[in-house]
N, C-alpha and C. Protein backbone atom coordinates (compact mmCIF):
# COMPACT_ATOMS: atom_id res chain seq x y z
N MET A 1 -23.16 16.78 -15.03
CA MET A 1 -22.52 15.53 -15.46
C MET A 1 -22.71 14.45 -14.40
N SER A 2 -22.91 13.22 -14.85
CA SER A 2 -23.09 12.12 -13.92
C SER A 2 -21.76 11.71 -13.30
N ILE A 3 -21.82 10.89 -12.27
CA ILE A 3 -20.62 10.36 -11.63
C ILE A 3 -19.85 9.49 -12.62
N LEU A 4 -18.53 9.63 -12.61
CA LEU A 4 -17.69 8.81 -13.47
C LEU A 4 -17.23 7.57 -12.70
N PHE A 5 -17.34 6.42 -13.33
CA PHE A 5 -16.89 5.16 -12.74
C PHE A 5 -15.68 4.64 -13.51
N PHE A 6 -14.79 3.93 -12.78
CA PHE A 6 -13.55 3.46 -13.37
C PHE A 6 -13.36 1.97 -13.11
N ASP A 7 -12.70 1.32 -14.06
CA ASP A 7 -12.44 -0.11 -13.96
C ASP A 7 -11.25 -0.35 -13.02
N PRO A 8 -11.43 -1.11 -11.95
CA PRO A 8 -10.34 -1.32 -10.99
C PRO A 8 -9.22 -2.18 -11.59
N ILE A 9 -8.01 -1.95 -11.09
CA ILE A 9 -6.84 -2.69 -11.55
C ILE A 9 -6.45 -3.73 -10.51
N PRO A 10 -6.46 -5.03 -10.86
CA PRO A 10 -6.07 -6.06 -9.89
C PRO A 10 -4.57 -6.03 -9.65
N ARG A 11 -4.16 -6.18 -8.39
CA ARG A 11 -2.75 -6.15 -8.03
C ARG A 11 -2.37 -7.49 -7.39
N PRO A 12 -1.64 -8.35 -8.11
CA PRO A 12 -1.24 -9.64 -7.56
C PRO A 12 -0.35 -9.46 -6.33
N ALA A 13 -0.45 -10.41 -5.39
CA ALA A 13 0.37 -10.36 -4.18
C ALA A 13 0.51 -11.75 -3.60
N ILE A 14 1.66 -12.02 -3.00
CA ILE A 14 1.91 -13.33 -2.38
C ILE A 14 0.94 -13.57 -1.23
N TRP A 15 0.42 -12.48 -0.65
CA TRP A 15 -0.48 -12.58 0.49
C TRP A 15 -1.96 -12.48 0.10
N GLY A 16 -2.23 -12.50 -1.21
CA GLY A 16 -3.61 -12.41 -1.67
C GLY A 16 -4.10 -13.70 -2.28
N HIS A 17 -5.42 -13.83 -2.39
CA HIS A 17 -6.01 -15.01 -3.04
C HIS A 17 -7.30 -14.60 -3.73
N THR A 18 -8.44 -14.74 -3.06
CA THR A 18 -9.72 -14.40 -3.72
C THR A 18 -10.57 -13.43 -2.89
N LEU A 19 -10.08 -12.98 -1.75
CA LEU A 19 -10.93 -12.18 -0.86
C LEU A 19 -11.31 -10.84 -1.47
N VAL A 20 -10.38 -10.18 -2.15
CA VAL A 20 -10.73 -8.91 -2.82
C VAL A 20 -11.86 -9.16 -3.82
N ARG A 21 -11.69 -10.18 -4.63
CA ARG A 21 -12.70 -10.51 -5.64
C ARG A 21 -14.05 -10.82 -5.00
N ASP A 22 -14.04 -11.65 -3.97
CA ASP A 22 -15.28 -12.12 -3.37
C ASP A 22 -15.98 -11.03 -2.56
N TYR A 23 -15.21 -10.26 -1.79
CA TYR A 23 -15.82 -9.27 -0.90
C TYR A 23 -16.38 -8.08 -1.68
N PHE A 24 -15.64 -7.64 -2.70
CA PHE A 24 -16.06 -6.45 -3.44
C PHE A 24 -16.81 -6.76 -4.73
N GLY A 25 -16.99 -8.04 -5.01
CA GLY A 25 -17.75 -8.42 -6.19
C GLY A 25 -17.04 -8.20 -7.50
N TYR A 26 -15.70 -8.22 -7.48
CA TYR A 26 -14.91 -8.04 -8.69
C TYR A 26 -14.75 -9.39 -9.39
N LYS A 27 -15.80 -9.84 -10.05
CA LYS A 27 -15.82 -11.18 -10.63
C LYS A 27 -14.77 -11.35 -11.72
N GLN A 28 -14.32 -10.25 -12.28
CA GLN A 28 -13.33 -10.32 -13.36
C GLN A 28 -11.92 -10.57 -12.84
N PHE A 29 -11.70 -10.46 -11.54
CA PHE A 29 -10.36 -10.63 -10.98
C PHE A 29 -9.99 -12.12 -10.92
N PRO A 30 -8.76 -12.48 -11.27
CA PRO A 30 -8.30 -13.86 -11.12
C PRO A 30 -7.93 -14.14 -9.66
N GLU A 31 -7.48 -15.35 -9.40
CA GLU A 31 -6.96 -15.67 -8.07
C GLU A 31 -5.59 -15.02 -7.87
N GLY A 32 -5.19 -14.92 -6.61
CA GLY A 32 -3.86 -14.39 -6.32
C GLY A 32 -3.80 -12.87 -6.24
N ILE A 33 -4.96 -12.22 -6.09
CA ILE A 33 -5.00 -10.76 -6.04
C ILE A 33 -5.12 -10.30 -4.58
N GLY A 34 -4.24 -9.39 -4.18
CA GLY A 34 -4.26 -8.90 -2.80
C GLY A 34 -4.95 -7.56 -2.65
N GLN A 35 -4.94 -6.77 -3.72
CA GLN A 35 -5.59 -5.46 -3.63
C GLN A 35 -6.04 -5.01 -5.01
N SER A 36 -6.93 -4.04 -4.98
CA SER A 36 -7.41 -3.40 -6.19
C SER A 36 -6.97 -1.94 -6.16
N TRP A 37 -6.31 -1.50 -7.22
CA TRP A 37 -6.12 -0.06 -7.40
C TRP A 37 -7.39 0.44 -8.07
N SER A 38 -8.26 1.02 -7.29
CA SER A 38 -9.57 1.41 -7.79
C SER A 38 -9.59 2.81 -8.39
N PHE A 39 -8.57 3.61 -8.10
CA PHE A 39 -8.50 4.97 -8.63
C PHE A 39 -7.03 5.36 -8.69
N SER A 40 -6.46 5.26 -9.88
CA SER A 40 -5.02 5.49 -10.03
C SER A 40 -4.74 6.18 -11.35
N ALA A 41 -3.79 7.12 -11.32
CA ALA A 41 -3.34 7.77 -12.55
C ALA A 41 -1.85 7.55 -12.76
N GLN A 42 -1.35 6.41 -12.27
CA GLN A 42 0.06 6.08 -12.47
C GLN A 42 0.34 5.89 -13.96
N LYS A 43 1.57 6.20 -14.35
CA LYS A 43 1.93 6.17 -15.77
C LYS A 43 1.65 4.83 -16.42
N ASP A 44 1.99 3.74 -15.73
CA ASP A 44 1.80 2.41 -16.30
C ASP A 44 0.65 1.64 -15.65
N ALA A 45 -0.15 2.33 -14.84
CA ALA A 45 -1.27 1.66 -14.17
C ALA A 45 -2.35 2.69 -13.85
N SER A 46 -3.01 3.14 -14.91
CA SER A 46 -4.06 4.14 -14.75
C SER A 46 -5.42 3.50 -14.98
N THR A 47 -6.35 3.73 -14.08
CA THR A 47 -7.68 3.16 -14.21
C THR A 47 -8.41 3.77 -15.43
N ILE A 48 -9.27 2.97 -16.04
CA ILE A 48 -9.97 3.35 -17.28
C ILE A 48 -11.42 3.70 -16.97
N CYS A 49 -11.86 4.82 -17.52
CA CYS A 49 -13.22 5.30 -17.29
C CYS A 49 -14.23 4.38 -17.98
N LEU A 50 -15.31 4.10 -17.26
CA LEU A 50 -16.37 3.24 -17.80
C LEU A 50 -17.62 4.05 -18.18
N THR A 51 -17.58 5.36 -17.98
CA THR A 51 -18.76 6.20 -18.12
C THR A 51 -18.63 7.17 -19.30
N GLU A 52 -19.68 7.28 -20.09
CA GLU A 52 -19.71 8.30 -21.15
C GLU A 52 -19.77 9.70 -20.53
N PRO A 53 -19.20 10.71 -21.15
CA PRO A 53 -18.63 10.73 -22.50
C PRO A 53 -17.14 10.43 -22.55
N PHE A 54 -16.59 9.92 -21.43
CA PHE A 54 -15.15 9.69 -21.37
C PHE A 54 -14.80 8.20 -21.35
N LYS A 55 -15.75 7.37 -21.71
CA LYS A 55 -15.54 5.93 -21.68
C LYS A 55 -14.32 5.53 -22.49
N GLY A 56 -13.46 4.71 -21.90
CA GLY A 56 -12.26 4.24 -22.58
C GLY A 56 -11.03 5.08 -22.31
N MET A 57 -11.20 6.26 -21.75
CA MET A 57 -10.06 7.11 -21.43
C MET A 57 -9.52 6.76 -20.05
N THR A 58 -8.22 6.87 -19.87
CA THR A 58 -7.64 6.61 -18.56
C THR A 58 -7.78 7.84 -17.67
N LEU A 59 -7.71 7.61 -16.37
CA LEU A 59 -7.74 8.72 -15.43
C LEU A 59 -6.57 9.66 -15.69
N ARG A 60 -5.43 9.10 -16.07
CA ARG A 60 -4.27 9.94 -16.36
C ARG A 60 -4.54 10.86 -17.56
N GLU A 61 -5.21 10.34 -18.57
CA GLU A 61 -5.55 11.15 -19.74
C GLU A 61 -6.55 12.25 -19.37
N LEU A 62 -7.52 11.90 -18.54
CA LEU A 62 -8.50 12.90 -18.10
C LEU A 62 -7.82 14.01 -17.31
N TRP A 63 -6.91 13.61 -16.45
CA TRP A 63 -6.20 14.59 -15.62
C TRP A 63 -5.37 15.55 -16.49
N LYS A 64 -4.77 15.03 -17.54
CA LYS A 64 -3.93 15.85 -18.40
C LYS A 64 -4.74 16.72 -19.36
N ASN A 65 -5.86 16.18 -19.85
CA ASN A 65 -6.56 16.84 -20.95
C ASN A 65 -7.93 17.42 -20.61
N HIS A 66 -8.42 17.13 -19.42
CA HIS A 66 -9.75 17.61 -19.04
C HIS A 66 -9.73 18.18 -17.62
N GLN A 67 -8.90 19.21 -17.45
CA GLN A 67 -8.79 19.80 -16.12
C GLN A 67 -10.07 20.52 -15.68
N GLU A 68 -11.03 20.69 -16.60
CA GLU A 68 -12.32 21.24 -16.19
C GLU A 68 -13.02 20.32 -15.19
N LEU A 69 -12.60 19.05 -15.15
CA LEU A 69 -13.16 18.11 -14.18
C LEU A 69 -12.51 18.21 -12.81
N PHE A 70 -11.32 18.80 -12.76
CA PHE A 70 -10.54 18.74 -11.53
C PHE A 70 -10.16 20.11 -10.95
N GLY A 71 -9.71 21.02 -11.81
CA GLY A 71 -9.33 22.34 -11.34
C GLY A 71 -7.98 22.41 -10.68
N HIS A 72 -7.05 21.52 -11.06
CA HIS A 72 -5.70 21.54 -10.50
C HIS A 72 -4.66 21.42 -11.60
N PRO A 73 -4.60 22.40 -12.51
CA PRO A 73 -3.63 22.32 -13.61
C PRO A 73 -2.20 22.42 -13.11
N ASN A 74 -1.29 21.84 -13.90
CA ASN A 74 0.15 21.90 -13.62
C ASN A 74 0.54 21.19 -12.32
N GLU A 75 -0.25 20.22 -11.91
CA GLU A 75 0.06 19.39 -10.75
C GLU A 75 0.03 17.92 -11.17
N GLU A 76 0.72 17.10 -10.41
CA GLU A 76 0.60 15.65 -10.59
C GLU A 76 -0.65 15.16 -9.87
N PHE A 77 -1.27 14.11 -10.41
CA PHE A 77 -2.42 13.54 -9.71
C PHE A 77 -1.98 13.09 -8.32
N PRO A 78 -2.69 13.46 -7.26
CA PRO A 78 -2.12 13.37 -5.91
C PRO A 78 -2.19 12.02 -5.20
N VAL A 79 -3.12 11.13 -5.56
CA VAL A 79 -3.36 9.94 -4.73
C VAL A 79 -3.57 8.68 -5.56
N ILE A 80 -3.41 7.56 -4.88
CA ILE A 80 -3.90 6.27 -5.35
C ILE A 80 -4.89 5.79 -4.29
N ILE A 81 -6.04 5.35 -4.72
CA ILE A 81 -7.04 4.79 -3.80
C ILE A 81 -7.17 3.31 -4.10
N SER A 82 -7.01 2.50 -3.07
CA SER A 82 -7.07 1.04 -3.29
C SER A 82 -7.89 0.37 -2.22
N LEU A 83 -8.28 -0.85 -2.51
CA LEU A 83 -9.00 -1.72 -1.59
C LEU A 83 -8.12 -2.92 -1.34
N VAL A 84 -7.84 -3.21 -0.08
CA VAL A 84 -6.86 -4.24 0.28
C VAL A 84 -7.53 -5.28 1.17
N ALA A 85 -7.33 -6.55 0.81
CA ALA A 85 -7.93 -7.65 1.57
C ALA A 85 -6.93 -8.80 1.66
N PRO A 86 -5.99 -8.72 2.60
CA PRO A 86 -4.95 -9.75 2.70
C PRO A 86 -5.46 -11.05 3.31
N GLU A 87 -4.95 -12.15 2.79
CA GLU A 87 -5.26 -13.46 3.37
C GLU A 87 -4.02 -14.06 4.02
N ASP A 88 -2.98 -13.26 4.13
CA ASP A 88 -1.78 -13.56 4.90
C ASP A 88 -1.20 -12.21 5.29
N ASP A 89 -0.28 -12.19 6.25
CA ASP A 89 0.32 -10.93 6.68
C ASP A 89 1.19 -10.34 5.58
N LEU A 90 1.11 -9.03 5.40
CA LEU A 90 2.01 -8.35 4.48
C LEU A 90 3.40 -8.27 5.07
N SER A 91 4.39 -8.06 4.22
CA SER A 91 5.74 -7.82 4.71
C SER A 91 5.77 -6.55 5.54
N ILE A 92 6.71 -6.49 6.47
CA ILE A 92 6.90 -5.28 7.27
C ILE A 92 7.75 -4.32 6.44
N GLN A 93 7.31 -3.08 6.34
CA GLN A 93 7.90 -2.18 5.37
C GLN A 93 7.92 -0.74 5.88
N VAL A 94 8.58 0.09 5.09
CA VAL A 94 8.61 1.52 5.39
C VAL A 94 8.62 2.27 4.07
N HIS A 95 7.96 3.42 4.05
CA HIS A 95 7.97 4.28 2.88
C HIS A 95 8.78 5.54 3.19
N PRO A 96 9.54 6.04 2.22
CA PRO A 96 10.33 7.24 2.46
C PRO A 96 9.47 8.51 2.40
N ASP A 97 9.95 9.57 3.06
CA ASP A 97 9.35 10.87 2.82
C ASP A 97 9.89 11.40 1.50
N SER A 98 9.42 12.56 1.08
CA SER A 98 9.80 13.05 -0.25
C SER A 98 11.29 13.33 -0.37
N GLN A 99 11.91 13.81 0.70
CA GLN A 99 13.34 14.08 0.65
C GLN A 99 14.14 12.79 0.46
N ALA A 100 13.79 11.76 1.23
CA ALA A 100 14.49 10.47 1.10
C ALA A 100 14.17 9.80 -0.24
N ALA A 101 12.94 9.95 -0.71
CA ALA A 101 12.56 9.32 -1.98
C ALA A 101 13.41 9.86 -3.13
N LYS A 102 13.63 11.16 -3.14
CA LYS A 102 14.44 11.76 -4.22
C LYS A 102 15.87 11.25 -4.17
N LYS A 103 16.36 10.96 -2.98
CA LYS A 103 17.70 10.40 -2.83
C LYS A 103 17.81 9.06 -3.55
N TYR A 104 16.70 8.31 -3.60
CA TYR A 104 16.70 6.99 -4.23
C TYR A 104 16.06 6.99 -5.62
N GLY A 105 15.89 8.18 -6.19
CA GLY A 105 15.45 8.26 -7.57
C GLY A 105 13.95 8.32 -7.79
N TYR A 106 13.17 8.59 -6.74
CA TYR A 106 11.73 8.69 -6.86
C TYR A 106 11.31 10.15 -6.69
N ALA A 107 10.25 10.54 -7.38
CA ALA A 107 9.81 11.93 -7.34
C ALA A 107 9.11 12.28 -6.04
N LEU A 108 8.40 11.29 -5.47
CA LEU A 108 7.59 11.54 -4.28
C LEU A 108 7.83 10.48 -3.22
N GLY A 109 7.67 10.89 -1.98
CA GLY A 109 7.60 9.93 -0.88
C GLY A 109 6.17 9.45 -0.74
N LYS A 110 5.91 8.72 0.36
CA LYS A 110 4.55 8.18 0.49
C LYS A 110 4.06 8.21 1.93
N ASN A 111 3.10 9.10 2.18
CA ASN A 111 2.25 9.00 3.34
C ASN A 111 1.00 8.24 2.91
N GLU A 112 0.41 7.50 3.82
CA GLU A 112 -0.81 6.79 3.48
C GLU A 112 -1.70 6.65 4.70
N ALA A 113 -2.91 6.17 4.49
CA ALA A 113 -3.85 5.97 5.59
C ALA A 113 -4.76 4.81 5.26
N TRP A 114 -5.21 4.14 6.32
CA TRP A 114 -6.12 3.00 6.17
C TRP A 114 -7.41 3.25 6.93
N TYR A 115 -8.53 3.03 6.26
CA TYR A 115 -9.83 2.97 6.93
C TYR A 115 -10.23 1.50 6.97
N PHE A 116 -10.54 1.00 8.15
CA PHE A 116 -10.82 -0.43 8.33
C PHE A 116 -12.29 -0.71 8.08
N ILE A 117 -12.57 -1.19 6.88
CA ILE A 117 -13.93 -1.54 6.48
C ILE A 117 -14.45 -2.69 7.35
N LYS A 118 -13.57 -3.65 7.61
CA LYS A 118 -13.95 -4.80 8.42
C LYS A 118 -12.70 -5.36 9.09
N SER A 119 -12.81 -5.66 10.37
CA SER A 119 -11.70 -6.30 11.10
C SER A 119 -12.24 -7.40 11.99
N GLU A 120 -11.54 -8.51 11.99
CA GLU A 120 -11.92 -9.61 12.87
C GLU A 120 -11.61 -9.26 14.33
N ASP A 121 -12.18 -10.01 15.25
CA ASP A 121 -11.84 -9.84 16.66
C ASP A 121 -10.34 -10.05 16.86
N ASN A 122 -9.75 -9.20 17.68
CA ASN A 122 -8.32 -9.30 18.03
C ASN A 122 -7.40 -9.00 16.85
N ALA A 123 -7.90 -8.31 15.84
CA ALA A 123 -7.06 -7.95 14.70
C ALA A 123 -6.05 -6.88 15.11
N SER A 124 -4.92 -6.89 14.43
CA SER A 124 -3.88 -5.89 14.71
C SER A 124 -3.07 -5.62 13.46
N ILE A 125 -2.28 -4.55 13.52
CA ILE A 125 -1.33 -4.24 12.47
C ILE A 125 0.03 -4.00 13.12
N VAL A 126 1.08 -4.07 12.32
CA VAL A 126 2.40 -3.66 12.78
C VAL A 126 2.46 -2.13 12.67
N TYR A 127 2.88 -1.48 13.76
CA TYR A 127 2.92 -0.01 13.76
C TYR A 127 4.04 0.45 14.69
N GLY A 128 5.23 0.66 14.11
CA GLY A 128 6.36 1.16 14.88
C GLY A 128 7.28 0.04 15.37
N HIS A 129 8.31 0.45 16.11
CA HIS A 129 9.29 -0.52 16.60
C HIS A 129 9.80 -0.09 17.98
N ASN A 130 10.53 -0.98 18.64
CA ASN A 130 10.98 -0.76 20.01
C ASN A 130 12.46 -0.38 20.13
N ALA A 131 13.16 -0.24 19.02
CA ALA A 131 14.58 0.09 19.10
C ALA A 131 14.80 1.50 19.61
N LYS A 132 15.79 1.66 20.49
CA LYS A 132 16.07 2.97 21.08
C LYS A 132 16.91 3.83 20.13
N ASP A 133 17.75 3.21 19.34
CA ASP A 133 18.61 3.92 18.40
C ASP A 133 19.05 2.94 17.32
N GLU A 134 19.89 3.40 16.40
CA GLU A 134 20.29 2.54 15.28
C GLU A 134 21.09 1.32 15.74
N LYS A 135 21.95 1.51 16.74
CA LYS A 135 22.72 0.39 17.26
C LYS A 135 21.80 -0.67 17.85
N ASP A 136 20.80 -0.23 18.60
CA ASP A 136 19.84 -1.15 19.20
C ASP A 136 19.02 -1.85 18.11
N LEU A 137 18.68 -1.10 17.06
CA LEU A 137 17.94 -1.68 15.94
C LEU A 137 18.71 -2.82 15.30
N TYR A 138 20.00 -2.60 15.02
CA TYR A 138 20.82 -3.65 14.41
C TYR A 138 21.02 -4.83 15.35
N ASN A 139 21.00 -4.58 16.64
CA ASN A 139 21.11 -5.68 17.60
C ASN A 139 19.90 -6.61 17.49
N TYR A 140 18.70 -6.03 17.40
CA TYR A 140 17.49 -6.84 17.19
C TYR A 140 17.60 -7.64 15.88
N ILE A 141 18.00 -6.95 14.82
CA ILE A 141 18.05 -7.58 13.50
C ILE A 141 19.08 -8.70 13.45
N ASN A 142 20.29 -8.41 13.91
CA ASN A 142 21.38 -9.39 13.82
C ASN A 142 21.13 -10.62 14.68
N ASN A 143 20.29 -10.48 15.71
CA ASN A 143 19.96 -11.60 16.57
C ASN A 143 18.60 -12.22 16.23
N ASP A 144 18.06 -11.79 15.09
CA ASP A 144 16.79 -12.35 14.59
C ASP A 144 15.66 -12.22 15.61
N LYS A 145 15.64 -11.09 16.32
CA LYS A 145 14.62 -10.85 17.35
C LYS A 145 13.52 -9.95 16.80
N TRP A 146 12.97 -10.36 15.68
CA TRP A 146 11.98 -9.53 15.00
C TRP A 146 10.71 -9.37 15.83
N ASP A 147 10.26 -10.44 16.49
CA ASP A 147 9.03 -10.36 17.27
C ASP A 147 9.16 -9.38 18.43
N GLU A 148 10.37 -9.26 18.98
CA GLU A 148 10.60 -8.33 20.06
C GLU A 148 10.76 -6.90 19.55
N LEU A 149 11.20 -6.77 18.31
CA LEU A 149 11.46 -5.45 17.75
C LEU A 149 10.18 -4.71 17.38
N ILE A 150 9.26 -5.40 16.74
CA ILE A 150 8.10 -4.70 16.17
C ILE A 150 7.01 -4.45 17.21
N LYS A 151 6.31 -3.34 17.02
CA LYS A 151 5.16 -2.99 17.84
C LYS A 151 3.88 -3.32 17.07
N HIS A 152 2.83 -3.64 17.80
CA HIS A 152 1.53 -3.91 17.19
C HIS A 152 0.49 -2.91 17.70
N LEU A 153 -0.49 -2.65 16.87
CA LEU A 153 -1.60 -1.77 17.22
C LEU A 153 -2.89 -2.52 16.95
N SER A 154 -3.74 -2.62 17.96
CA SER A 154 -5.05 -3.26 17.78
C SER A 154 -5.93 -2.39 16.90
N VAL A 155 -6.69 -3.03 16.01
CA VAL A 155 -7.58 -2.29 15.11
C VAL A 155 -8.96 -2.94 15.12
N HIS A 156 -9.96 -2.11 14.79
CA HIS A 156 -11.35 -2.55 14.83
C HIS A 156 -12.08 -1.99 13.61
N THR A 157 -13.18 -2.60 13.27
CA THR A 157 -14.02 -2.10 12.19
C THR A 157 -14.36 -0.63 12.44
N GLY A 158 -14.15 0.18 11.41
CA GLY A 158 -14.44 1.61 11.54
C GLY A 158 -13.27 2.46 11.96
N ASP A 159 -12.13 1.85 12.31
CA ASP A 159 -10.95 2.62 12.70
C ASP A 159 -10.32 3.30 11.49
N PHE A 160 -9.64 4.41 11.76
CA PHE A 160 -8.85 5.11 10.75
C PHE A 160 -7.44 5.26 11.29
N VAL A 161 -6.44 4.81 10.54
CA VAL A 161 -5.05 4.86 10.99
C VAL A 161 -4.22 5.60 9.94
N TYR A 162 -3.54 6.65 10.40
CA TYR A 162 -2.63 7.41 9.53
C TYR A 162 -1.24 6.81 9.63
N LEU A 163 -0.60 6.62 8.48
CA LEU A 163 0.73 6.02 8.41
C LEU A 163 1.68 7.01 7.74
N PRO A 164 2.33 7.86 8.52
CA PRO A 164 3.24 8.83 7.91
C PRO A 164 4.47 8.15 7.34
N ALA A 165 5.06 8.75 6.33
CA ALA A 165 6.31 8.24 5.79
C ALA A 165 7.31 8.07 6.93
N GLY A 166 8.06 6.96 6.89
CA GLY A 166 9.05 6.70 7.92
C GLY A 166 8.60 5.76 9.01
N ILE A 167 7.28 5.48 9.11
CA ILE A 167 6.78 4.58 10.15
C ILE A 167 6.92 3.13 9.68
N LEU A 168 7.46 2.28 10.53
CA LEU A 168 7.52 0.85 10.24
C LEU A 168 6.11 0.29 10.40
N HIS A 169 5.62 -0.44 9.39
CA HIS A 169 4.23 -0.85 9.45
C HIS A 169 3.98 -2.08 8.59
N ALA A 170 2.84 -2.70 8.83
CA ALA A 170 2.38 -3.81 7.99
C ALA A 170 0.92 -4.09 8.29
N LEU A 171 0.15 -4.24 7.24
CA LEU A 171 -1.21 -4.74 7.38
C LEU A 171 -1.14 -6.25 7.56
N LYS A 172 -2.04 -6.78 8.39
CA LYS A 172 -2.04 -8.22 8.64
C LYS A 172 -3.38 -8.81 8.21
N LYS A 173 -3.39 -10.12 8.04
CA LYS A 173 -4.65 -10.78 7.68
C LYS A 173 -5.67 -10.55 8.80
N GLY A 174 -6.93 -10.58 8.43
CA GLY A 174 -7.98 -10.35 9.41
C GLY A 174 -8.64 -8.99 9.27
N SER A 175 -8.18 -8.18 8.32
CA SER A 175 -8.77 -6.87 8.08
C SER A 175 -8.94 -6.63 6.59
N ILE A 176 -9.95 -5.86 6.25
CA ILE A 176 -10.17 -5.38 4.90
C ILE A 176 -10.17 -3.86 4.98
N VAL A 177 -9.35 -3.21 4.14
CA VAL A 177 -9.19 -1.77 4.30
C VAL A 177 -9.37 -1.00 3.00
N TYR A 178 -9.79 0.24 3.17
CA TYR A 178 -9.77 1.26 2.12
C TYR A 178 -8.50 2.05 2.36
N GLU A 179 -7.65 2.10 1.35
CA GLU A 179 -6.34 2.73 1.50
C GLU A 179 -6.24 3.94 0.58
N ILE A 180 -5.75 5.05 1.14
CA ILE A 180 -5.42 6.21 0.32
C ILE A 180 -3.96 6.55 0.56
N GLN A 181 -3.23 6.75 -0.52
CA GLN A 181 -1.80 6.99 -0.42
C GLN A 181 -1.38 8.05 -1.43
N GLN A 182 -0.22 8.65 -1.17
CA GLN A 182 0.33 9.54 -2.18
C GLN A 182 0.57 8.78 -3.47
N SER A 183 0.58 9.49 -4.55
CA SER A 183 0.59 8.87 -5.87
C SER A 183 1.99 8.38 -6.28
N THR A 184 2.44 7.37 -5.56
CA THR A 184 3.71 6.73 -5.86
C THR A 184 3.65 5.31 -5.32
N ASP A 185 4.51 4.45 -5.81
CA ASP A 185 4.47 3.04 -5.39
C ASP A 185 5.81 2.62 -4.79
N VAL A 186 6.46 3.53 -4.08
CA VAL A 186 7.78 3.23 -3.51
C VAL A 186 7.63 2.60 -2.13
N THR A 187 8.19 1.40 -1.98
CA THR A 187 8.13 0.64 -0.72
C THR A 187 9.47 -0.03 -0.49
N PHE A 188 9.98 0.07 0.73
CA PHE A 188 11.20 -0.64 1.10
C PHE A 188 10.83 -1.73 2.11
N ARG A 189 11.11 -2.97 1.71
CA ARG A 189 10.73 -4.13 2.52
C ARG A 189 11.77 -4.35 3.62
N PHE A 190 11.30 -4.35 4.87
CA PHE A 190 12.15 -4.44 6.04
C PHE A 190 12.29 -5.89 6.54
N TYR A 191 11.18 -6.62 6.53
CA TYR A 191 11.19 -8.00 7.02
C TYR A 191 9.99 -8.73 6.44
N ASP A 192 10.17 -10.02 6.11
CA ASP A 192 9.09 -10.78 5.49
C ASP A 192 8.92 -12.16 6.12
N TYR A 193 9.23 -12.27 7.41
CA TYR A 193 8.97 -13.50 8.17
C TYR A 193 9.72 -14.72 7.62
N HIS A 194 10.79 -14.49 6.89
CA HIS A 194 11.52 -15.58 6.20
C HIS A 194 10.60 -16.38 5.29
N ARG A 195 9.58 -15.72 4.77
CA ARG A 195 8.61 -16.37 3.89
C ARG A 195 9.25 -16.66 2.53
N LYS A 196 8.90 -17.80 1.95
CA LYS A 196 9.49 -18.20 0.67
C LYS A 196 8.45 -18.25 -0.44
N ASP A 197 8.90 -17.95 -1.66
CA ASP A 197 8.01 -18.05 -2.81
C ASP A 197 7.93 -19.48 -3.30
N LYS A 198 7.23 -19.70 -4.40
CA LYS A 198 7.01 -21.06 -4.89
C LYS A 198 8.29 -21.74 -5.35
N TYR A 199 9.36 -20.95 -5.52
CA TYR A 199 10.65 -21.51 -5.93
C TYR A 199 11.58 -21.74 -4.74
N GLY A 200 11.08 -21.49 -3.52
CA GLY A 200 11.88 -21.71 -2.32
C GLY A 200 12.80 -20.57 -1.96
N ASN A 201 12.59 -19.40 -2.57
CA ASN A 201 13.44 -18.24 -2.30
C ASN A 201 12.72 -17.23 -1.41
N GLU A 202 13.46 -16.68 -0.46
CA GLU A 202 12.91 -15.58 0.32
C GLU A 202 12.86 -14.32 -0.53
N ARG A 203 11.84 -13.49 -0.32
CA ARG A 203 11.75 -12.27 -1.09
C ARG A 203 12.85 -11.28 -0.70
N GLU A 204 13.21 -10.46 -1.66
CA GLU A 204 14.27 -9.48 -1.44
C GLU A 204 13.87 -8.48 -0.36
N LEU A 205 14.82 -8.18 0.54
CA LEU A 205 14.63 -7.12 1.51
C LEU A 205 15.41 -5.88 1.06
N HIS A 206 15.02 -4.74 1.61
CA HIS A 206 15.70 -3.48 1.29
C HIS A 206 16.13 -2.82 2.61
N LEU A 207 16.89 -3.58 3.39
CA LEU A 207 17.19 -3.14 4.75
C LEU A 207 17.92 -1.80 4.80
N THR A 208 18.91 -1.63 3.95
CA THR A 208 19.68 -0.38 3.97
C THR A 208 18.78 0.83 3.74
N GLN A 209 17.95 0.75 2.70
CA GLN A 209 17.05 1.85 2.39
C GLN A 209 15.99 2.02 3.47
N ALA A 210 15.44 0.90 3.95
CA ALA A 210 14.39 0.96 4.95
C ALA A 210 14.88 1.61 6.23
N ILE A 211 16.05 1.20 6.70
CA ILE A 211 16.60 1.76 7.93
C ILE A 211 16.92 3.25 7.75
N ASP A 212 17.41 3.60 6.57
CA ASP A 212 17.72 4.99 6.28
C ASP A 212 16.48 5.87 6.35
N CYS A 213 15.30 5.28 6.05
CA CYS A 213 14.06 6.06 5.99
C CYS A 213 13.25 6.01 7.28
N LEU A 214 13.64 5.15 8.23
CA LEU A 214 12.87 5.00 9.47
C LEU A 214 12.85 6.29 10.27
N SER A 215 11.71 6.59 10.83
CA SER A 215 11.60 7.76 11.69
C SER A 215 11.78 7.35 13.14
């Protein structure tokens, strides 16, 4: 059987514009897209096969009905693979592990990893924090000392960074990445630079959940 190709799913984001479309040649994508879910079997966001004899079927349908292609019956599809090209910094966030995720009504937690396809000179990501304990963490937050709280990690083209559940992190503009994550979309937003949407509102934070999940 030949290789199966799938139609990528555009994912709108406040930090996206046209870079995903332009860099990866996804001419069908509109403006305002921050990432492509290029391989997903999510219930409401499953990529569609473009190759015969399965053309028109979703990856989720193939996983359920054609296990001869995979060999993993009675399991959930394990990953989402996406391409991310931010034109502004992403919010600082944390993903729960599976135990914490179930506490908040999700079946799975989320570990993920980034391969840096391209990074500008002096590019970095948010990776971890400087708080010694929960009291110290709230001291940073209550005094709006976000720049002092967060840690940064320098990244370069060709780097691979593992992001275990519980790590405070954020991708920043200046990098294009291949992302692989557990097959769930649970994210708790920790900080968003007091950034406002087109209506003048700051985006919702999930501080209680995020702090509860921090490692």
